[in-house]
Amino acid sequence: MHIMIETAKQEAAPMKRKRRVFVKTSMALIFAALIIAALVTVRNLGGGLSIEGAKRMWTVITGGAGDANFIFEEGFDSAFADLGGAVVAAGSTGVVVYDGNGAEVARDVLAVQHPTVASGAGVAVAYGVGGRGVRVADRTGIIASLTFENDIISCSVGTSSGVFAGGTMFAVCTKSSGGYRGQVIIYRLAGSGPEEIYRWFSGEGYVLSAEIAPGNNEFAVLTLTPEGGRIVLLSRTGTDVRGEYIERGAAIIEMGYLKSGTLIARTADGLTAIDSAGGGTRIYSFGEKVVAGYCDAGESSLAAYLESGAGGSAAGELVIIDERGNELGKMSTSRSLVWLSSYTDRIAVLWDDGLGIYDRSMRLVVSYPEASGMRQGYSRGASRAVVFGNREGRAFSGRTD
């Protein structure tokens, strides 16, 4: 699950100061937008798998063997998604879908500089920030190819699927023309391919990302304005803005819907819950601490790793927070965080000296010191995990500490 106002000379002085403050604020927000764009690019980055590597990894994950090592294809700097029995990888050789045994199911060319993959409800959308092509895939292969007239900013996939939820939906945010500052296009996957069901143009703020609420009937669009970060709330039943929230004087780094339907906005200093009319309630403050890791923690909760912000200090806290801001679990540590992710009710924390998998009360389920030196780590349920380095990786089938 979000990025995150006497004499003529005497009268003129305050106005100049206001203009200077406005210019500084605007420049800071523009810089923040660039940071957010970079975060969108790297958020889902993983490693590309060779076919043999994928075979070994998926044999382990599906319970067919013990721990195994695998290597990446040379120069294959990719992003990937796990679709529950299949892997979608996007990188320098295009988009590749592997089945549960590691065999290649489909491959397509997608020339992008910074590949990433958004996923949800068994569907993956591969794209590159600044590119114009999108490939949509599921476990059967690549099911759609889209090309846009304007550069892509970000993509996302809804978490709901099925007939009663309106089918799986995904959103594509692109730049726009005609005086607009970006657009959002919502697609529904139908039998004949993606069907456009909604399009919205932004006239006030630069579009950064869009999220689809559980149930697929509501959408949220994150934009950046001179006033600050702005979230626009929309309904599938009309194009009028249903509500909006503005974080004045600050950028919203990211936003996301929890399983309960609550929309959470993250800024540099805390978390805010946004209601259906655009009202905001601060549920958690980071204080003077800096967020070094953040992710959805399942069952309408969030995980955040907070550092003191003091130079040279490695002290940090890993906290699990529910939608009301209550701490479900908390752990203080002097270990350095490398990567934070979650899967169902498990939190995978890759430290500089190994991987730990925790439940939502921060109880350690299993640890893998063998993962030391890796760059990213993911839980695959229970005590299974997979970790990635620059050009190698390892899958763990699970054990009891």
Foldseek 3Di string as FASTA:
>chain_A
DKAAAPDPVVVVVVVVVRVVVLVVLLVVLVVSLVVLLVCQLCVQWFAAFDLVQQQVQLCLQVPNDFKDKGWHDPPFRWGWDDLPQKIWIAGCQAIWIAGSNSHTQDGDHDDEDRWYWADAPQKIWIHHQQAFKIWIAGNNGTQDIDGDPFGWRHKYWAHDADVQLQGTKMKTWGQDDDQFQIKIWMWHQDPNGTDTQDMATHNAFHWRDKYAFRSRFKIWTWGAHSQEIKIFIDGSVDHDTQAMEGPGSFYFSMWYAAPVRWIWTHHQFAIWTADRRGDIDTQETLPQWGWPAKEAQAPQKIWTKTDNPDPPQQWIKIFIAHPNNDTLAMDIDSWHWQYWYYDHQWIWTQTQQWIFIAGSNRHTFDIDSVLHQFRYKYDPPRAWIKTHHPTMIMTGSGDGD
